[in-house]
Amino acid sequence: MSPIRAPVMQEVIMQARLPQQEQVSPQPRTAIPNDISGAVTAALNILEKWRVAPASQQAMLGISRRSWFSWKKSPPAQIDADKLERISYILGIWKALRQLFPDDHGYERWPELPNSAPLFGGQPPLQRMTAGQVGDLYAVRAWLDGWRGW
């Protein structure tokens, strides 16, 4: 057998030894669920609990006014990666605050209270979070993770 054909034959032999189901190529897996409307609804509810103005909600979510109204009426099942990342940070910030303030409603009030940490410069965290950049949401999430010891 020629050296060129030997690898081909080895591949054929290996495939013949595998059970039939393992020969079928799996569907590509994605990290994004098929329907994320629940996450969209949760994020919108969190922003309401934080008393974020509609224009600031739009900035945080990276969406237009028209999209915001559409999302409020009927949350989309699919969104692009940027918006999914923003929603993920909002949900993560909420989770961190719930862990830091489990018994009182500090998790609802914290974003609007002045904060002396260098990240916030004496301003409320919401000011940083509503600047419109996904990096600002990330920074707040990372700061909270550090505060709670992650």
N, C-alpha and C. Protein backbone atom coordinates (compact mmCIF):
# COMPACT_ATOMS: atom_id res chain seq x y z
N MET A 1 0.85 -1.18 0.00
CA MET A 1 0.00 0.00 0.00
C MET A 1 0.89 1.23 0.00
N SER A 2 0.55 2.20 -0.81
CA SER A 2 1.37 3.41 -0.91
C SER A 2 1.21 4.25 0.36
N PRO A 3 2.24 5.05 0.69
CA PRO A 3 2.16 5.87 1.90
C PRO A 3 1.03 6.89 1.85
N ILE A 4 0.63 7.32 0.67
CA ILE A 4 -0.46 8.31 0.55
C ILE A 4 -1.79 7.66 0.90
N ARG A 5 -1.99 6.42 0.51
CA ARG A 5 -3.27 5.74 0.75
C ARG A 5 -3.39 5.23 2.18
N ALA A 6 -2.28 5.02 2.86
CA ALA A 6 -2.32 4.45 4.21
C ALA A 6 -3.16 5.30 5.17
N PRO A 7 -2.98 6.63 5.23
CA PRO A 7 -3.82 7.43 6.13
C PRO A 7 -5.30 7.35 5.75
N VAL A 8 -5.60 7.30 4.48
CA VAL A 8 -6.99 7.20 4.04
C VAL A 8 -7.59 5.89 4.53
N MET A 9 -6.87 4.81 4.38
CA MET A 9 -7.34 3.50 4.82
C MET A 9 -7.52 3.48 6.35
N GLN A 10 -6.60 4.10 7.07
CA GLN A 10 -6.73 4.14 8.52
C GLN A 10 -8.00 4.88 8.92
N GLU A 11 -8.32 5.97 8.22
CA GLU A 11 -9.54 6.74 8.51
C GLU A 11 -10.77 5.89 8.24
N VAL A 12 -10.77 5.15 7.13
CA VAL A 12 -11.90 4.28 6.80
C VAL A 12 -12.07 3.21 7.87
N ILE A 13 -10.98 2.64 8.32
CA ILE A 13 -11.05 1.60 9.35
C ILE A 13 -11.58 2.19 10.66
N MET A 14 -11.12 3.38 11.04
CA MET A 14 -11.57 4.01 12.28
C MET A 14 -13.06 4.32 12.22
N GLN A 15 -13.54 4.80 11.09
CA GLN A 15 -14.96 5.11 10.96
C GLN A 15 -15.79 3.85 11.01
N ALA A 16 -15.28 2.78 10.46
CA ALA A 16 -16.01 1.52 10.47
C ALA A 16 -16.14 0.97 11.89
N ARG A 17 -15.21 1.28 12.75
CA ARG A 17 -15.23 0.79 14.14
C ARG A 17 -16.16 1.61 15.04
N LEU A 18 -16.44 2.84 14.66
CA LEU A 18 -17.28 3.71 15.48
C LEU A 18 -18.74 3.33 15.35
N PRO A 19 -19.51 3.41 16.43
CA PRO A 19 -20.95 3.20 16.31
C PRO A 19 -21.54 4.24 15.36
N GLN A 20 -22.65 3.88 14.76
CA GLN A 20 -23.27 4.74 13.74
C GLN A 20 -23.55 6.15 14.25
N GLN A 21 -24.06 6.28 15.46
CA GLN A 21 -24.43 7.61 15.95
C GLN A 21 -23.23 8.53 16.11
N GLU A 22 -22.05 8.01 16.35
CA GLU A 22 -20.89 8.86 16.51
C GLU A 22 -20.37 9.37 15.17
N GLN A 23 -20.77 8.73 14.08
CA GLN A 23 -20.31 9.17 12.77
C GLN A 23 -21.09 10.39 12.29
N VAL A 24 -22.25 10.60 12.85
CA VAL A 24 -23.07 11.74 12.47
C VAL A 24 -22.46 12.99 13.08
N SER A 25 -22.23 13.99 12.26
CA SER A 25 -21.65 15.22 12.80
C SER A 25 -22.70 15.96 13.62
N PRO A 26 -22.34 16.40 14.82
CA PRO A 26 -23.30 17.10 15.67
C PRO A 26 -23.62 18.48 15.12
N GLN A 27 -24.79 18.97 15.51
CA GLN A 27 -25.18 20.33 15.15
C GLN A 27 -24.27 21.29 15.91
N PRO A 28 -23.90 22.39 15.30
CA PRO A 28 -23.05 23.34 16.03
C PRO A 28 -23.79 23.87 17.25
N ARG A 29 -23.07 23.97 18.35
CA ARG A 29 -23.66 24.49 19.58
C ARG A 29 -23.41 25.98 19.66
N THR A 30 -24.39 26.69 20.14
CA THR A 30 -24.23 28.12 20.32
C THR A 30 -24.45 28.45 21.79
N ALA A 31 -23.85 29.52 22.22
CA ALA A 31 -24.00 29.94 23.61
C ALA A 31 -25.29 30.73 23.81
N ILE A 32 -25.93 31.11 22.72
CA ILE A 32 -27.13 31.93 22.79
C ILE A 32 -28.35 31.02 22.72
N PRO A 33 -29.23 31.06 23.73
CA PRO A 33 -30.42 30.23 23.69
C PRO A 33 -31.33 30.64 22.53
N ASN A 34 -32.24 29.75 22.17
CA ASN A 34 -33.14 30.02 21.06
C ASN A 34 -34.09 31.17 21.35
N ASP A 35 -34.51 31.31 22.60
CA ASP A 35 -35.48 32.34 22.95
C ASP A 35 -34.99 33.06 24.20
N ILE A 36 -34.61 34.31 24.05
CA ILE A 36 -34.09 35.07 25.19
C ILE A 36 -35.09 36.13 25.65
N SER A 37 -36.35 36.00 25.25
CA SER A 37 -37.34 37.02 25.61
C SER A 37 -37.48 37.15 27.13
N GLY A 38 -37.30 36.07 27.87
CA GLY A 38 -37.36 36.14 29.33
C GLY A 38 -36.26 37.01 29.91
N ALA A 39 -35.07 36.93 29.34
CA ALA A 39 -33.96 37.77 29.80
C ALA A 39 -34.23 39.23 29.48
N VAL A 40 -34.81 39.50 28.32
CA VAL A 40 -35.15 40.88 27.94
C VAL A 40 -36.17 41.43 28.93
N THR A 41 -37.21 40.65 29.22
CA THR A 41 -38.24 41.08 30.16
C THR A 41 -37.64 41.33 31.54
N ALA A 42 -36.78 40.43 31.99
CA ALA A 42 -36.14 40.59 33.30
C ALA A 42 -35.33 41.88 33.35
N ALA A 43 -34.54 42.14 32.31
CA ALA A 43 -33.73 43.36 32.28
C ALA A 43 -34.61 44.61 32.32
N LEU A 44 -35.68 44.61 31.54
CA LEU A 44 -36.58 45.77 31.54
C LEU A 44 -37.22 45.96 32.92
N ASN A 45 -37.59 44.88 33.58
CA ASN A 45 -38.17 44.97 34.92
C ASN A 45 -37.15 45.51 35.93
N ILE A 46 -35.91 45.07 35.82
CA ILE A 46 -34.86 45.57 36.71
C ILE A 46 -34.68 47.06 36.52
N LEU A 47 -34.63 47.50 35.28
CA LEU A 47 -34.45 48.93 35.01
C LEU A 47 -35.62 49.74 35.57
N GLU A 48 -36.81 49.18 35.55
CA GLU A 48 -37.97 49.85 36.16
C GLU A 48 -37.80 49.92 37.68
N LYS A 49 -37.35 48.83 38.29
CA LYS A 49 -37.15 48.83 39.75
C LYS A 49 -36.09 49.85 40.15
N TRP A 50 -35.09 50.04 39.30
CA TRP A 50 -34.05 51.03 39.56
C TRP A 50 -34.52 52.44 39.21
N ARG A 51 -35.72 52.59 38.72
CA ARG A 51 -36.31 53.87 38.33
C ARG A 51 -35.47 54.60 37.27
N VAL A 52 -35.00 53.82 36.30
CA VAL A 52 -34.21 54.38 35.20
C VAL A 52 -35.16 54.99 34.18
N ALA A 53 -34.93 56.23 33.80
CA ALA A 53 -35.76 56.91 32.81
C ALA A 53 -35.70 56.17 31.47
N PRO A 54 -36.77 56.25 30.68
CA PRO A 54 -36.79 55.54 29.39
C PRO A 54 -35.59 55.83 28.49
N ALA A 55 -35.19 57.09 28.37
CA ALA A 55 -34.04 57.42 27.51
C ALA A 55 -32.76 56.77 28.03
N SER A 56 -32.62 56.71 29.34
CA SER A 56 -31.44 56.07 29.93
C SER A 56 -31.50 54.55 29.77
N GLN A 57 -32.70 53.98 29.84
CA GLN A 57 -32.85 52.55 29.58
C GLN A 57 -32.40 52.23 28.16
N GLN A 58 -32.80 53.08 27.23
CA GLN A 58 -32.42 52.88 25.82
C GLN A 58 -30.90 52.93 25.67
N ALA A 59 -30.27 53.85 26.37
CA ALA A 59 -28.80 53.97 26.30
C ALA A 59 -28.14 52.72 26.90
N MET A 60 -28.65 52.28 28.03
CA MET A 60 -28.07 51.09 28.67
C MET A 60 -28.20 49.86 27.79
N LEU A 61 -29.34 49.73 27.12
CA LEU A 61 -29.60 48.56 26.29
C LEU A 61 -29.03 48.70 24.88
N GLY A 62 -28.63 49.91 24.52
CA GLY A 62 -28.08 50.15 23.18
C GLY A 62 -29.13 50.03 22.09
N ILE A 63 -30.34 50.52 22.40
CA ILE A 63 -31.43 50.42 21.43
C ILE A 63 -32.07 51.79 21.19
N SER A 64 -32.80 51.87 20.11
CA SER A 64 -33.51 53.11 19.77
C SER A 64 -34.79 53.23 20.58
N ARG A 65 -35.38 54.40 20.54
CA ARG A 65 -36.65 54.64 21.23
C ARG A 65 -37.72 53.70 20.69
N ARG A 66 -37.74 53.56 19.38
CA ARG A 66 -38.73 52.68 18.73
C ARG A 66 -38.55 51.23 19.18
N SER A 67 -37.30 50.77 19.21
CA SER A 67 -37.04 49.40 19.66
C SER A 67 -37.44 49.22 21.12
N TRP A 68 -37.18 50.25 21.94
CA TRP A 68 -37.54 50.16 23.35
C TRP A 68 -39.04 49.95 23.52
N PHE A 69 -39.84 50.73 22.78
CA PHE A 69 -41.30 50.56 22.85
C PHE A 69 -41.71 49.17 22.37
N SER A 70 -41.06 48.72 21.32
CA SER A 70 -41.35 47.38 20.79
C SER A 70 -41.00 46.30 21.81
N TRP A 71 -39.84 46.44 22.46
CA TRP A 71 -39.42 45.46 23.47
C TRP A 71 -40.38 45.45 24.65
N LYS A 72 -40.87 46.63 25.05
CA LYS A 72 -41.80 46.71 26.17
C LYS A 72 -43.11 46.00 25.83
N LYS A 73 -43.53 46.15 24.60
CA LYS A 73 -44.79 45.54 24.16
C LYS A 73 -44.64 44.03 23.97
N SER A 74 -43.57 43.63 23.33
CA SER A 74 -43.35 42.22 23.02
C SER A 74 -41.84 41.95 22.95
N PRO A 75 -41.26 41.44 24.03
CA PRO A 75 -39.81 41.21 24.05
C PRO A 75 -39.37 40.30 22.91
N PRO A 76 -38.28 40.65 22.25
CA PRO A 76 -37.81 39.83 21.12
C PRO A 76 -37.24 38.50 21.60
N ALA A 77 -37.37 37.49 20.75
CA ALA A 77 -36.82 36.17 21.06
C ALA A 77 -35.34 36.11 20.69
N GLN A 78 -34.91 36.95 19.78
CA GLN A 78 -33.52 36.98 19.31
C GLN A 78 -33.02 38.42 19.31
N ILE A 79 -31.78 38.61 19.74
CA ILE A 79 -31.14 39.92 19.66
C ILE A 79 -29.68 39.71 19.30
N ASP A 80 -29.03 40.80 18.91
CA ASP A 80 -27.62 40.65 18.53
C ASP A 80 -26.74 40.52 19.78
N ALA A 81 -25.49 40.15 19.55
CA ALA A 81 -24.56 39.85 20.64
C ALA A 81 -24.32 41.06 21.55
N ASP A 82 -24.27 42.28 20.99
CA ASP A 82 -24.04 43.47 21.81
C ASP A 82 -25.15 43.65 22.82
N LYS A 83 -26.39 43.53 22.37
CA LYS A 83 -27.51 43.72 23.28
C LYS A 83 -27.60 42.58 24.30
N LEU A 84 -27.27 41.38 23.86
CA LEU A 84 -27.25 40.25 24.79
C LEU A 84 -26.19 40.47 25.87
N GLU A 85 -25.04 41.00 25.49
CA GLU A 85 -23.99 41.29 26.46
C GLU A 85 -24.46 42.34 27.46
N ARG A 86 -25.11 43.38 26.98
CA ARG A 86 -25.62 44.44 27.86
C ARG A 86 -26.63 43.87 28.86
N ILE A 87 -27.54 43.05 28.35
CA ILE A 87 -28.55 42.44 29.22
C ILE A 87 -27.88 41.54 30.24
N SER A 88 -26.88 40.81 29.82
CA SER A 88 -26.15 39.93 30.73
C SER A 88 -25.52 40.74 31.87
N TYR A 89 -24.94 41.88 31.56
CA TYR A 89 -24.34 42.72 32.60
C TYR A 89 -25.41 43.27 33.55
N ILE A 90 -26.55 43.69 33.01
CA ILE A 90 -27.63 44.20 33.86
C ILE A 90 -28.09 43.11 34.82
N LEU A 91 -28.31 41.91 34.30
CA LEU A 91 -28.73 40.79 35.15
C LEU A 91 -27.65 40.45 36.18
N GLY A 92 -26.39 40.52 35.78
CA GLY A 92 -25.29 40.23 36.70
C GLY A 92 -25.17 41.28 37.80
N ILE A 93 -25.39 42.54 37.44
CA ILE A 93 -25.36 43.62 38.44
C ILE A 93 -26.49 43.40 39.44
N TRP A 94 -27.66 43.08 38.94
CA TRP A 94 -28.82 42.81 39.81
C TRP A 94 -28.51 41.66 40.77
N LYS A 95 -27.96 40.58 40.22
CA LYS A 95 -27.64 39.41 41.05
C LYS A 95 -26.63 39.77 42.13
N ALA A 96 -25.59 40.50 41.76
CA ALA A 96 -24.58 40.91 42.74
C ALA A 96 -25.19 41.77 43.83
N LEU A 97 -26.05 42.70 43.45
CA LEU A 97 -26.69 43.57 44.44
C LEU A 97 -27.62 42.79 45.35
N ARG A 98 -28.31 41.80 44.81
CA ARG A 98 -29.19 40.96 45.63
C ARG A 98 -28.37 40.18 46.66
N GLN A 99 -27.15 39.78 46.28
CA GLN A 99 -26.29 39.06 47.22
C GLN A 99 -25.69 40.00 48.26
N LEU A 100 -25.39 41.21 47.86
CA LEU A 100 -24.81 42.18 48.79
C LEU A 100 -25.84 42.77 49.74
N PHE A 101 -27.08 42.90 49.29
CA PHE A 101 -28.16 43.47 50.09
C PHE A 101 -29.34 42.50 50.13
N PRO A 102 -29.20 41.35 50.81
CA PRO A 102 -30.23 40.33 50.73
C PRO A 102 -31.53 40.65 51.48
N ASP A 103 -31.46 41.45 52.54
CA ASP A 103 -32.63 41.62 53.39
C ASP A 103 -33.40 42.92 53.19
N ASP A 104 -32.70 43.96 52.81
CA ASP A 104 -33.42 45.21 52.58
C ASP A 104 -33.50 45.46 51.08
N HIS A 105 -34.04 46.55 50.72
CA HIS A 105 -34.18 46.86 49.29
C HIS A 105 -33.03 47.71 48.78
N GLY A 106 -31.86 47.55 49.39
CA GLY A 106 -30.67 48.27 48.94
C GLY A 106 -30.31 47.94 47.50
N TYR A 107 -30.66 46.73 47.06
CA TYR A 107 -30.38 46.35 45.68
C TYR A 107 -31.17 47.18 44.68
N GLU A 108 -32.27 47.77 45.14
CA GLU A 108 -33.03 48.67 44.27
C GLU A 108 -32.54 50.10 44.38
N ARG A 109 -32.07 50.49 45.56
CA ARG A 109 -31.66 51.88 45.79
C ARG A 109 -30.20 52.14 45.44
N TRP A 110 -29.31 51.16 45.60
CA TRP A 110 -27.87 51.35 45.42
C TRP A 110 -27.51 52.06 44.13
N PRO A 111 -28.08 51.71 42.99
CA PRO A 111 -27.64 52.36 41.74
C PRO A 111 -27.85 53.87 41.70
N GLU A 112 -28.81 54.38 42.48
CA GLU A 112 -29.09 55.81 42.40
C GLU A 112 -28.47 56.62 43.54
N LEU A 113 -27.75 55.95 44.43
CA LEU A 113 -27.11 56.66 45.55
C LEU A 113 -25.69 57.08 45.19
N PRO A 114 -25.27 58.27 45.63
CA PRO A 114 -23.88 58.69 45.37
C PRO A 114 -22.90 57.65 45.93
N ASN A 115 -21.82 57.43 45.20
CA ASN A 115 -20.84 56.42 45.60
C ASN A 115 -19.45 57.03 45.53
N SER A 116 -18.71 56.92 46.63
CA SER A 116 -17.38 57.55 46.71
C SER A 116 -16.26 56.70 46.10
N ALA A 117 -16.57 55.51 45.62
CA ALA A 117 -15.54 54.67 45.00
C ALA A 117 -14.95 55.40 43.78
N PRO A 118 -13.66 55.24 43.53
CA PRO A 118 -13.03 55.93 42.39
C PRO A 118 -13.73 55.70 41.06
N LEU A 119 -14.30 54.52 40.87
CA LEU A 119 -15.01 54.22 39.63
C LEU A 119 -16.16 55.17 39.39
N PHE A 120 -16.79 55.63 40.47
CA PHE A 120 -17.98 56.47 40.34
C PHE A 120 -17.72 57.94 40.62
N GLY A 121 -16.62 58.27 41.26
CA GLY A 121 -16.26 59.66 41.51
C GLY A 121 -17.31 60.46 42.26
N GLY A 122 -17.97 59.83 43.23
CA GLY A 122 -18.99 60.52 44.01
C GLY A 122 -20.36 60.57 43.36
N GLN A 123 -20.46 60.09 42.15
CA GLN A 123 -21.73 60.08 41.42
C GLN A 123 -22.46 58.76 41.65
N PRO A 124 -23.76 58.73 41.40
CA PRO A 124 -24.48 57.46 41.50
C PRO A 124 -24.00 56.48 40.42
N PRO A 125 -23.93 55.20 40.72
CA PRO A 125 -23.53 54.21 39.72
C PRO A 125 -24.38 54.27 38.44
N LEU A 126 -25.65 54.65 38.59
CA LEU A 126 -26.50 54.75 37.39
C LEU A 126 -25.95 55.74 36.38
N GLN A 127 -25.29 56.77 36.85
CA GLN A 127 -24.73 57.74 35.91
C GLN A 127 -23.70 57.05 35.02
N ARG A 128 -22.89 56.20 35.60
CA ARG A 128 -21.90 55.46 34.83
C ARG A 128 -22.58 54.42 33.93
N MET A 129 -23.58 53.74 34.49
CA MET A 129 -24.25 52.66 33.77
C MET A 129 -25.06 53.16 32.57
N THR A 130 -25.54 54.39 32.64
CA THR A 130 -26.38 54.91 31.56
C THR A 130 -25.61 55.74 30.55
N ALA A 131 -24.29 55.69 30.60
CA ALA A 131 -23.47 56.46 29.65
C ALA A 131 -23.59 55.93 28.22
N GLY A 132 -24.10 54.72 28.07
CA GLY A 132 -24.34 54.19 26.73
C GLY A 132 -23.28 53.24 26.21
N GLN A 133 -22.19 53.08 26.94
CA GLN A 133 -21.12 52.18 26.51
C GLN A 133 -21.22 50.85 27.25
N VAL A 134 -21.10 49.77 26.51
CA VAL A 134 -21.15 48.45 27.14
C VAL A 134 -20.03 48.29 28.16
N GLY A 135 -18.91 48.95 27.93
CA GLY A 135 -17.79 48.89 28.87
C GLY A 135 -18.11 49.47 30.23
N ASP A 136 -19.03 50.43 30.28
CA ASP A 136 -19.44 51.00 31.56
C ASP A 136 -20.23 49.98 32.38
N LEU A 137 -21.10 49.24 31.71
CA LEU A 137 -21.84 48.18 32.40
C LEU A 137 -20.88 47.11 32.91
N TYR A 138 -19.92 46.76 32.06
CA TYR A 138 -18.90 45.78 32.46
C TYR A 138 -18.13 46.27 33.69
N ALA A 139 -17.74 47.53 33.69
CA ALA A 139 -16.95 48.08 34.80
C ALA A 139 -17.72 48.00 36.11
N VAL A 140 -19.01 48.33 36.07
CA VAL A 140 -19.82 48.28 37.29
C VAL A 140 -19.97 46.83 37.74
N ARG A 141 -20.23 45.94 36.80
CA ARG A 141 -20.37 44.51 37.14
C ARG A 141 -19.07 44.00 37.77
N ALA A 142 -17.94 44.31 37.17
CA ALA A 142 -16.65 43.84 37.69
C ALA A 142 -16.38 44.43 39.07
N TRP A 143 -16.72 45.71 39.27
CA TRP A 143 -16.51 46.35 40.56
C TRP A 143 -17.34 45.64 41.64
N LEU A 144 -18.60 45.35 41.32
CA LEU A 144 -19.46 44.65 42.28
C LEU A 144 -18.95 43.24 42.56
N ASP A 145 -18.48 42.57 41.54
CA ASP A 145 -17.92 41.23 41.75
C ASP A 145 -16.72 41.30 42.69
N GLY A 146 -15.90 42.34 42.55
CA GLY A 146 -14.77 42.53 43.45
C GLY A 146 -15.22 42.82 44.87
N TRP A 147 -16.26 43.63 44.99
CA TRP A 147 -16.78 44.00 46.31
C TRP A 147 -17.31 42.76 47.04
N ARG A 148 -17.96 41.87 46.30
CA ARG A 148 -18.51 40.69 46.96
C ARG A 148 -17.52 39.54 47.03
N GLY A 149 -16.28 39.79 46.60
CA GLY A 149 -15.22 38.81 46.78
C GLY A 149 -15.06 37.79 45.68
N TRP A 150 -15.50 38.11 44.48
CA TRP A 150 -15.36 37.16 43.37
C TRP A 150 -14.10 37.44 42.65
